[in-house]
Amino acid sequence: MQPRLNWLAREEAVIRVFRSTYGITCLVIGALVLTGLPQSALAQGWAADFYAAAGEDERRAVVDSLDLSAYSFEELHRALAHPPKKTEDVPTGLMHDFTRDQRRERFPFGLVVPDTYDASQAYPLVIFLHGTVSRAKPKRTRKQRSIGEDLLVEGVIQVFPAAWTEAKWWTPVQADNLARIVSQVQSVYHIDTDKIFLVGISDGATGGFYQSATNPGPYAGFVSVIGYPGVLKGSRVHLEENVFPINLRALKVLAFNTEGDALYPADKMKYFVDSFREMGIDIEMVVDPLGGHDINALKRAIPGISSFVKMIRRDPHPDTITWLYEAGSHLHRFRWLIIHELLPASERDSSLDHLQGMQPNDRTRGMIELAREGNTVVVNNHGVADYSLLLSPDQFDFAEPLILIENDVVIYQDRVKPSKRVLLDYAARDFDPRRLYGAELRIAN
């Protein structure tokens, strides 16, 4: 039986499992070299330390220790694409831990791992974003709320992070925090990186819409429970990064609302759902005839969330991408597309005028729409001066020419040479064996 989860409750013995074992990396690699093991074994020894590192800095330290001349691109790619098996000797049940940002600020979270955890099996990861974020920062010594077994999804690993007044879900600091949590959990447990999901209730759903439209890369889907994206248009929400609904095309969305919700009536949510569908967003809405705006709505949604998690998988290298970018934003990238710079405001693309953000402004915008078939990529460029395509050997054939057609003109037709540096750089950033890139093709207009 799963333990009952008390939100950030203090326990006499706190299990700490998320700290890197990188300290002996150089000794391990050196010992392998002395034994004269084949290069494939050397690569696996290095990959074990890489995938045990809990943070990007530690992963880059592992990468920096490598003698790249000792490995071929293919060996490095193979080692990264097939991580070593995780250890079975890890804690299960309820745990508490925290991440730290660059300012050393602590971000606490709860973690529930099934008692039946099997390291040979890849587990979905579900991240629950709670409601009522206008509160003081939680302390480990204070019991804030109980989340019982009726809120646990069977057969998945679940994370319960915390938000508060100075760190609401719709901020970049929480985007960074969620990425750190995923990295930390993944360094210890066997996570299926194509099945990472966000679930948000009330304010958590508002944050889920923000995270899904601004940082969708890691996620397969998002479930909104008694949520309403219109909150992002309100005066009480200050957005450091604007939200463009069209960017929700990147993942699947499921919305649970209730007939008796006086705060966010189902009819108001349906307006957004219809608008989103017109934009090509894959969103499903379920209306519960019972209940109102409370935690019971989430309890009744758990079976639907469980089915959603079982059915949906992320495509790590989607053949079609749409990304709308605003000048001054930090949100340059989605999967294998990076936007570096827009055309001057005087050359703006007026076809984007109808695609307003949740908080409209007069900043310059640009958008890339791309579609891949085989080794051919067709790009519709709306006002972007400089962008990159990250090319994966799992998606493109590097032995054949790549053809890039931009706005009906062939602008590139040549073979692309794989790069060890590109492979390792983005592997350290993304920490995702299903998203590995072998070349970066930069296009400047």
Protein backbone atom coordinates (compact mmCIF):
# COMPACT_ATOMS: atom_id res chain seq x y z
CA MET A 1 0.00 0.00 0.00
CA GLN A 2 1.22 3.48 -0.84
CA PRO A 3 1.91 5.77 2.15
CA ARG A 4 -0.40 8.69 2.73
CA LEU A 5 1.26 11.85 1.47
CA ASN A 6 1.32 14.81 3.87
CA TRP A 7 2.28 17.90 1.90
CA LEU A 8 5.88 18.72 2.82
CA ALA A 9 5.41 17.05 6.22
CA ARG A 10 8.43 16.77 8.49
CA GLU A 11 9.74 13.24 9.04
CA GLU A 12 12.32 12.14 11.59
CA ALA A 13 14.45 10.51 8.90
CA VAL A 14 14.62 12.33 5.60
CA ILE A 15 15.82 10.15 2.80
CA ARG A 16 18.32 11.95 0.60
CA VAL A 17 18.85 10.22 -2.70
CA PHE A 18 19.43 12.95 -5.24
CA ARG A 19 23.11 13.79 -4.99
CA SER A 20 25.53 13.00 -7.81
CA THR A 21 28.21 10.33 -7.57
CA TYR A 22 30.38 12.16 -10.05
CA GLY A 23 33.27 12.63 -7.59
CA ILE A 24 35.04 9.46 -8.79
CA THR A 25 34.42 9.92 -12.53
CA CYS A 26 38.02 10.51 -13.51
CA LEU A 27 39.23 7.55 -11.40
CA VAL A 28 36.66 5.24 -12.99
CA ILE A 29 37.53 6.28 -16.54
CA GLY A 30 41.22 6.09 -15.80
CA ALA A 31 40.86 2.57 -14.42
CA LEU A 32 38.96 1.50 -17.51
CA VAL A 33 41.69 2.86 -19.76
CA LEU A 34 44.37 0.95 -17.82
CA THR A 35 42.48 -2.31 -18.19
CA GLY A 36 42.48 -1.93 -21.95
CA LEU A 37 38.76 -2.45 -22.31
CA PRO A 38 37.24 -1.86 -25.77
CA GLN A 39 36.01 1.62 -26.58
CA SER A 40 32.35 0.60 -26.30
CA ALA A 41 32.96 -0.42 -22.67
CA LEU A 42 34.78 2.86 -22.04
CA ALA A 43 31.81 4.77 -23.41
CA GLN A 44 29.42 2.85 -21.18
CA GLY A 45 31.56 3.61 -18.13
CA TRP A 46 31.46 7.30 -18.96
CA ALA A 47 27.72 7.19 -19.69
CA ALA A 48 27.03 5.69 -16.27
CA ASP A 49 28.51 8.78 -14.58
CA PHE A 50 26.77 11.07 -17.06
CA TYR A 51 23.33 9.64 -16.31
CA ALA A 52 23.97 9.58 -12.55
CA ALA A 53 24.68 13.34 -12.54
CA ALA A 54 21.76 15.29 -11.08
CA GLY A 55 22.53 18.69 -12.65
CA GLU A 56 23.74 20.21 -15.90
CA ASP A 57 27.00 21.49 -14.41
CA GLU A 58 27.87 17.99 -13.23
CA ARG A 59 27.01 16.51 -16.63
CA ARG A 60 29.24 19.07 -18.34
CA ALA A 61 32.05 18.15 -15.95
CA VAL A 62 31.71 14.54 -17.07
CA VAL A 63 31.76 15.63 -20.71
CA ASP A 64 34.80 17.87 -20.16
CA SER A 65 36.72 14.92 -18.72
CA LEU A 66 36.38 13.00 -21.98
CA ASP A 67 39.13 12.59 -24.56
CA LEU A 68 36.89 12.95 -27.60
CA SER A 69 39.56 11.52 -29.89
CA ALA A 70 39.08 8.16 -28.14
CA TYR A 71 35.50 7.81 -29.41
CA SER A 72 33.70 7.96 -32.70
CA PHE A 73 30.49 9.94 -33.04
CA GLU A 74 28.60 6.67 -33.37
CA GLU A 75 30.04 5.31 -30.10
CA LEU A 76 29.11 8.45 -28.20
CA HIS A 77 25.62 8.48 -29.66
CA ARG A 78 25.10 4.80 -28.88
CA ALA A 79 26.24 5.26 -25.27
CA LEU A 80 23.92 8.24 -24.77
CA ALA A 81 20.96 6.60 -26.50
CA HIS A 82 21.18 3.49 -24.29
CA PRO A 83 21.71 4.62 -20.69
CA PRO A 84 23.09 2.06 -18.25
CA LYS A 85 20.54 0.26 -16.10
CA LYS A 86 19.54 2.09 -12.93
CA THR A 87 20.23 0.48 -9.59
CA GLU A 88 17.42 -1.41 -7.85
CA ASP A 89 18.60 -0.31 -4.41
CA VAL A 90 16.70 2.98 -4.20
CA PRO A 91 14.00 4.25 -1.80
CA THR A 92 10.33 3.92 -2.64
CA GLY A 93 7.18 5.38 -1.14
CA LEU A 94 7.11 8.98 0.06
CA MET A 95 10.24 11.14 0.10
CA HIS A 96 10.99 14.84 0.48
CA ASP A 97 13.78 16.75 -1.20
CA PHE A 98 14.52 20.13 -2.72
CA THR A 99 16.33 21.82 -5.56
CA ARG A 100 18.33 25.05 -5.43
CA ASP A 101 18.44 27.78 -8.04
CA GLN A 102 21.50 29.90 -8.89
CA ARG A 103 20.74 32.17 -5.93
CA ARG A 104 20.78 29.10 -3.66
CA GLU A 105 17.04 29.48 -3.03
CA ARG A 106 15.48 26.20 -1.93
CA PHE A 107 12.50 24.77 -3.83
CA PRO A 108 11.00 21.88 -1.83
CA PHE A 109 9.10 19.01 -3.40
CA GLY A 110 7.53 15.70 -2.45
CA LEU A 111 8.15 12.51 -4.40
CA VAL A 112 6.13 9.28 -4.45
CA VAL A 113 7.67 6.18 -6.03
CA PRO A 114 5.59 2.97 -6.30
CA ASP A 115 6.51 0.33 -3.73
CA THR A 116 6.68 -2.09 -6.68
CA TYR A 117 9.33 0.01 -8.46
CA ASP A 118 11.40 -2.09 -10.89
CA ALA A 119 14.53 -0.42 -12.30
CA SER A 120 14.29 -2.45 -15.51
CA GLN A 121 10.99 -0.70 -16.31
CA ALA A 122 10.71 2.91 -17.54
CA TYR A 123 8.11 4.83 -15.53
CA PRO A 124 5.95 7.81 -16.52
CA LEU A 125 6.55 10.94 -14.44
CA VAL A 126 3.56 13.06 -13.41
CA ILE A 127 4.15 16.52 -11.94
CA PHE A 128 1.25 17.96 -9.91
CA LEU A 129 0.98 21.75 -9.67
CA HIS A 130 -1.15 22.70 -6.67
CA GLY A 131 -3.59 25.60 -6.40
CA THR A 132 -3.61 28.70 -4.17
CA VAL A 133 -0.14 30.03 -4.93
CA SER A 134 -0.60 33.36 -3.11
CA ARG A 135 0.85 32.08 0.12
CA ALA A 136 4.06 32.21 2.13
CA LYS A 137 6.94 30.00 1.12
CA PRO A 138 6.34 26.53 2.58
CA LYS A 139 8.60 25.20 5.32
CA ARG A 140 9.40 21.58 5.95
CA THR A 141 8.31 22.01 9.54
CA ARG A 142 4.78 23.01 8.62
CA LYS A 143 2.07 20.64 7.47
CA GLN A 144 0.22 22.42 4.70
CA ARG A 145 -2.13 19.87 3.25
CA SER A 146 -2.63 16.16 2.93
CA ILE A 147 -2.70 14.38 -0.40
CA GLY A 148 -3.94 10.84 0.13
CA GLU A 149 -3.95 7.66 -1.87
CA ASP A 150 -7.00 8.79 -3.80
CA LEU A 151 -4.74 11.31 -5.56
CA LEU A 152 -2.04 8.83 -6.55
CA VAL A 153 -1.92 7.53 -10.11
CA GLU A 154 -1.11 3.84 -10.30
CA GLY A 155 2.14 2.75 -11.93
CA VAL A 156 3.76 6.18 -12.23
CA ILE A 157 6.29 8.24 -10.31
CA GLN A 158 4.72 11.46 -9.03
CA VAL A 159 6.24 14.78 -8.03
CA PHE A 160 4.54 17.42 -5.87
CA PRO A 161 6.53 20.67 -6.12
CA ALA A 162 5.67 23.89 -4.31
CA ALA A 163 4.83 27.41 -5.46
CA TRP A 164 4.33 30.56 -3.38
CA THR A 165 3.86 34.31 -3.74
CA GLU A 166 7.41 35.00 -4.92
CA ALA A 167 7.59 31.85 -7.08
CA LYS A 168 4.27 31.34 -8.83
CA TRP A 169 3.78 28.63 -11.42
CA TRP A 170 3.63 31.15 -14.28
CA THR A 171 7.21 32.39 -13.85
CA PRO A 172 10.51 31.42 -15.48
CA VAL A 173 11.95 30.52 -12.06
CA GLN A 174 9.40 27.72 -11.80
CA ALA A 175 10.16 26.56 -15.35
CA ASP A 176 13.78 26.20 -14.28
CA ASN A 177 12.74 24.52 -11.03
CA LEU A 178 10.60 21.92 -12.79
CA ALA A 179 13.49 21.15 -15.14
CA ARG A 180 15.83 20.68 -12.16
CA ILE A 181 13.34 18.39 -10.43
CA VAL A 182 12.97 16.20 -13.53
CA SER A 183 16.75 16.02 -13.88
CA GLN A 184 17.20 15.17 -10.20
CA VAL A 185 14.59 12.41 -10.19
CA GLN A 186 15.80 11.01 -13.52
CA SER A 187 19.37 10.71 -12.20
CA VAL A 188 18.14 8.11 -9.70
CA TYR A 189 15.01 6.50 -11.17
CA HIS A 190 14.26 5.00 -14.57
CA ILE A 191 12.01 7.61 -16.18
CA ASP A 192 10.35 7.28 -19.59
CA THR A 193 11.22 10.73 -20.96
CA ASP A 194 8.48 10.42 -23.59
CA LYS A 195 5.88 10.20 -20.81
CA ILE A 196 6.41 13.24 -18.57
CA PHE A 197 3.17 15.06 -17.78
CA LEU A 198 1.98 18.21 -16.05
CA VAL A 199 -1.25 18.16 -14.04
CA GLY A 200 -2.50 21.43 -12.55
CA ILE A 201 -5.50 22.31 -10.41
CA SER A 202 -6.88 25.88 -10.25
CA ASP A 203 -3.81 28.15 -9.97
CA GLY A 204 -1.76 25.08 -10.85
CA ALA A 205 -3.76 24.75 -14.07
CA THR A 206 -3.04 28.41 -14.86
CA GLY A 207 0.63 27.61 -14.37
CA GLY A 208 0.28 24.47 -16.45
CA PHE A 209 -1.05 26.47 -19.40
CA TYR A 210 1.90 28.85 -18.99
CA GLN A 211 4.51 26.09 -18.81
CA SER A 212 2.93 24.13 -21.69
CA ALA A 213 2.94 27.13 -24.03
CA THR A 214 6.36 28.45 -23.07
CA ASN A 215 8.43 25.37 -22.24
CA PRO A 216 6.72 22.33 -23.81
CA GLY A 217 9.88 20.46 -24.83
CA PRO A 218 10.07 17.91 -21.99
CA TYR A 219 6.36 17.16 -21.77
CA ALA A 220 4.03 14.72 -23.50
CA GLY A 221 0.85 16.33 -22.26
CA PHE A 222 -0.88 18.63 -19.78
CA VAL A 223 -4.05 18.08 -17.75
CA SER A 224 -5.95 21.13 -16.51
CA VAL A 225 -8.35 20.53 -13.61
CA ILE A 226 -10.88 23.29 -12.81
CA GLY A 227 -8.56 25.63 -14.71
CA TYR A 228 -9.08 28.61 -16.96
CA PRO A 229 -6.35 30.02 -19.24
CA GLY A 230 -8.10 33.39 -19.27
CA VAL A 231 -6.48 34.02 -15.88
CA LEU A 232 -3.25 34.68 -17.80
CA LYS A 233 -4.95 37.70 -19.37
CA GLY A 234 -5.94 39.18 -16.02
CA SER A 235 -4.40 42.10 -14.20
CA ARG A 236 -3.39 39.99 -11.18
CA VAL A 237 -1.00 37.94 -13.31
CA HIS A 238 2.27 39.56 -14.31
CA LEU A 239 3.96 37.58 -17.06
CA GLU A 240 7.71 37.87 -17.47
CA GLU A 241 7.32 35.85 -20.68
CA ASN A 242 4.26 36.33 -22.85
CA VAL A 243 2.08 33.30 -23.60
CA PHE A 244 1.06 32.56 -27.18
CA PRO A 245 -1.72 29.95 -27.29
CA ILE A 246 -0.66 28.72 -30.73
CA ASN A 247 2.48 27.28 -29.12
CA LEU A 248 0.21 24.80 -27.32
CA ARG A 249 0.23 22.85 -30.59
CA ALA A 250 3.35 21.25 -29.17
CA LEU A 251 1.56 18.77 -26.89
CA LYS A 252 -1.74 17.12 -25.95
CA VAL A 253 -4.08 18.93 -23.55
CA LEU A 254 -6.92 17.50 -21.45
CA ALA A 255 -9.26 19.85 -19.53
CA PHE A 256 -11.51 18.75 -16.64
CA ASN A 257 -14.08 21.31 -15.53
CA THR A 258 -17.22 21.08 -13.40
CA GLU A 259 -20.75 22.31 -13.93
CA GLY A 260 -20.86 23.79 -10.43
CA ASP A 261 -17.63 25.80 -10.61
CA ALA A 262 -18.67 29.37 -9.81
CA LEU A 263 -15.11 30.66 -10.24
CA TYR A 264 -14.35 29.21 -13.68
CA PRO A 265 -17.66 28.01 -15.18
CA ALA A 266 -17.42 25.24 -17.73
CA ASP A 267 -19.03 27.47 -20.38
CA LYS A 268 -16.20 30.00 -20.06
CA MET A 269 -13.63 27.25 -20.46
CA LYS A 270 -15.46 25.89 -23.50
CA TYR A 271 -14.92 29.24 -25.24
CA PHE A 272 -11.17 28.79 -24.93
CA VAL A 273 -11.31 25.13 -25.94
CA ASP A 274 -13.15 26.02 -29.16
CA SER A 275 -10.66 28.82 -29.90
CA PHE A 276 -7.72 26.52 -29.25
CA ARG A 277 -9.07 23.88 -31.59
CA GLU A 278 -9.40 26.48 -34.35
CA MET A 279 -5.65 27.11 -33.91
CA GLY A 280 -4.90 23.43 -34.45
CA ILE A 281 -4.35 22.61 -30.76
CA ASP A 282 -5.13 19.03 -29.73
CA ILE A 283 -7.34 19.63 -26.67
CA GLU A 284 -10.12 17.53 -25.16
CA MET A 285 -12.60 18.81 -22.60
CA VAL A 286 -14.47 16.76 -20.02
CA VAL A 287 -17.26 18.40 -18.00
CA ASP A 288 -18.07 16.84 -14.63
CA PRO A 289 -21.74 17.41 -13.71
CA LEU A 290 -20.83 17.11 -10.02
CA GLY A 291 -18.93 19.37 -7.69
CA GLY A 292 -17.50 22.83 -7.89
CA HIS A 293 -14.11 24.48 -7.44
CA ASP A 294 -12.40 22.24 -4.89
CA ILE A 295 -9.98 19.35 -4.41
CA ASN A 296 -12.77 16.81 -4.97
CA ALA A 297 -12.73 17.72 -8.66
CA LEU A 298 -9.12 16.49 -8.83
CA LYS A 299 -10.02 13.27 -7.00
CA ARG A 300 -12.76 12.53 -9.54
CA ALA A 301 -10.39 13.37 -12.40
CA ILE A 302 -7.74 10.82 -11.34
CA PRO A 303 -9.15 7.93 -13.45
CA GLY A 304 -9.18 10.16 -16.52
CA ILE A 305 -5.66 11.38 -15.77
CA SER A 306 -4.52 7.76 -15.44
CA SER A 307 -6.00 6.89 -18.85
CA PHE A 308 -4.44 10.00 -20.41
CA VAL A 309 -0.99 9.07 -19.07
CA LYS A 310 -1.33 5.51 -20.41
CA MET A 311 -2.43 6.60 -23.89
CA ILE A 312 -0.23 9.60 -24.66
CA ARG A 313 3.44 9.55 -25.67
CA ARG A 314 5.61 12.46 -26.69
CA ASP A 315 7.16 12.49 -30.15
CA PRO A 316 10.74 13.56 -29.33
CA HIS A 317 11.37 14.63 -32.94
CA PRO A 318 8.04 15.89 -34.32
CA ASP A 319 7.90 16.23 -38.09
CA THR A 320 5.94 19.48 -37.80
CA ILE A 321 6.74 22.43 -35.53
CA THR A 322 5.12 25.82 -35.00
CA TRP A 323 6.83 28.32 -32.71
CA LEU A 324 5.82 31.96 -32.24
CA TYR A 325 8.55 34.10 -30.71
CA GLU A 326 8.51 37.60 -29.26
CA ALA A 327 11.47 40.00 -29.32
CA GLY A 328 13.25 40.09 -25.98
CA SER A 329 11.93 36.71 -24.89
CA HIS A 330 14.14 33.95 -23.50
CA LEU A 331 11.94 31.32 -25.15
CA HIS A 332 14.06 30.73 -28.21
CA ARG A 333 13.66 26.99 -28.61
CA PHE A 334 11.19 24.21 -29.14
CA ARG A 335 12.65 20.71 -29.65
CA TRP A 336 14.79 20.88 -32.81
CA LEU A 337 14.10 24.55 -33.66
CA ILE A 338 15.94 27.55 -32.18
CA ILE A 339 15.07 31.15 -33.07
CA HIS A 340 18.00 33.51 -32.54
CA GLU A 341 16.89 36.84 -33.98
CA LEU A 342 13.94 38.51 -35.67
CA LEU A 343 13.86 40.84 -38.65
CA PRO A 344 13.70 44.56 -37.77
CA ALA A 345 10.32 45.92 -36.73
CA SER A 346 10.16 47.82 -40.01
CA GLU A 347 10.06 44.46 -41.83
CA ARG A 348 7.52 42.80 -39.54
CA ASP A 349 5.20 40.15 -40.95
CA SER A 350 1.66 41.53 -40.73
CA SER A 351 0.22 38.01 -41.15
CA LEU A 352 0.99 37.46 -37.46
CA ASP A 353 -1.09 40.39 -36.24
CA HIS A 354 -4.08 38.21 -35.38
CA LEU A 355 -1.97 35.91 -33.17
CA GLN A 356 -1.99 37.91 -29.98
CA GLY A 357 -0.35 36.86 -26.76
CA MET A 358 -2.28 36.55 -23.51
CA GLN A 359 -0.94 39.98 -22.57
CA PRO A 360 -0.78 41.93 -25.87
CA ASN A 361 1.99 44.44 -26.48
CA ASP A 362 3.71 46.15 -29.41
CA ARG A 363 6.85 44.00 -29.43
CA THR A 364 8.07 42.54 -32.70
CA ARG A 365 7.11 38.92 -33.29
CA GLY A 366 8.23 36.18 -35.62
CA MET A 367 7.16 32.63 -36.29
CA ILE A 368 8.61 29.53 -37.87
CA GLU A 369 6.41 26.76 -39.23
CA LEU A 370 8.33 23.75 -40.45
CA ALA A 371 7.49 20.33 -41.82
CA ARG A 372 9.89 17.45 -42.45
CA GLU A 373 9.57 14.56 -44.87
CA GLY A 374 12.63 12.33 -45.07
CA ASN A 375 15.67 14.57 -45.45
CA THR A 376 13.63 17.50 -46.74
CA VAL A 377 12.52 20.32 -44.46
CA VAL A 378 10.01 22.91 -45.65
CA VAL A 379 10.04 26.16 -43.65
CA ASN A 380 7.47 28.95 -43.65
CA ASN A 381 9.39 31.86 -42.19
CA HIS A 382 7.38 34.77 -40.81
CA GLY A 383 9.80 37.54 -39.85
CA VAL A 384 12.71 35.49 -38.47
CA ALA A 385 16.21 36.67 -39.40
CA ASP A 386 18.33 33.95 -37.79
CA TYR A 387 17.45 30.43 -36.67
CA SER A 388 18.95 26.97 -36.20
CA LEU A 389 17.76 23.44 -36.88
CA LEU A 390 19.03 20.73 -34.54
CA LEU A 391 19.40 17.55 -36.55
CA SER A 392 19.13 14.15 -34.92
CA PRO A 393 20.61 10.98 -36.45
CA ASP A 394 17.38 9.35 -35.26
CA GLN A 395 15.41 11.65 -37.57
CA PHE A 396 17.74 12.44 -40.50
CA ASP A 397 20.07 10.34 -42.66
CA PHE A 398 23.45 12.08 -42.42
CA ALA A 399 24.77 9.99 -45.33
CA GLU A 400 22.32 11.75 -47.67
CA PRO A 401 21.97 15.46 -48.55
CA LEU A 402 19.67 17.61 -46.44
CA ILE A 403 17.31 19.81 -48.47
CA LEU A 404 15.98 22.97 -46.83
CA ILE A 405 13.22 24.91 -48.60
CA GLU A 406 12.35 28.29 -47.05
CA ASN A 407 9.35 30.23 -48.33
CA ASP A 408 9.36 28.15 -51.55
CA VAL A 409 13.09 28.68 -52.23
CA VAL A 410 15.75 25.98 -51.84
CA ILE A 411 18.35 27.59 -49.56
CA TYR A 412 20.41 24.55 -48.58
CA GLN A 413 21.19 21.23 -50.24
CA ASP A 414 24.20 19.36 -48.93
CA ARG A 415 25.28 16.62 -46.57
CA VAL A 416 25.60 17.54 -42.91
CA LYS A 417 28.59 16.31 -40.95
CA PRO A 418 27.82 15.00 -37.46
CA SER A 419 29.53 16.80 -34.59
CA LYS A 420 30.60 15.23 -31.29
CA ARG A 421 30.54 18.65 -29.64
CA VAL A 422 26.95 19.34 -30.69
CA LEU A 423 25.90 15.87 -29.54
CA LEU A 424 27.45 16.26 -26.09
CA ASP A 425 26.47 19.90 -25.60
CA TYR A 426 22.75 19.32 -26.13
CA ALA A 427 22.83 15.99 -24.30
CA ALA A 428 24.15 17.83 -21.23
CA ARG A 429 21.43 20.49 -21.59
CA ASP A 430 18.46 18.22 -22.26
CA PHE A 431 19.41 15.10 -20.23
CA ASP A 432 17.13 13.08 -22.48
CA PRO A 433 18.28 9.90 -24.27
CA ARG A 434 15.34 10.27 -26.65
CA ARG A 435 16.41 13.75 -27.81
CA LEU A 436 19.97 13.56 -29.14
CA TYR A 437 21.27 15.88 -31.85
CA GLY A 438 24.25 15.36 -34.13
CA ALA A 439 24.43 18.67 -35.98
CA GLU A 440 23.23 22.27 -35.76
CA LEU A 441 22.39 23.97 -39.05
CA ARG A 442 22.22 27.75 -38.66
CA ILE A 443 20.32 29.84 -41.19
CA ALA A 444 20.79 33.63 -41.24
CA ASN A 445 18.74 35.78 -43.63
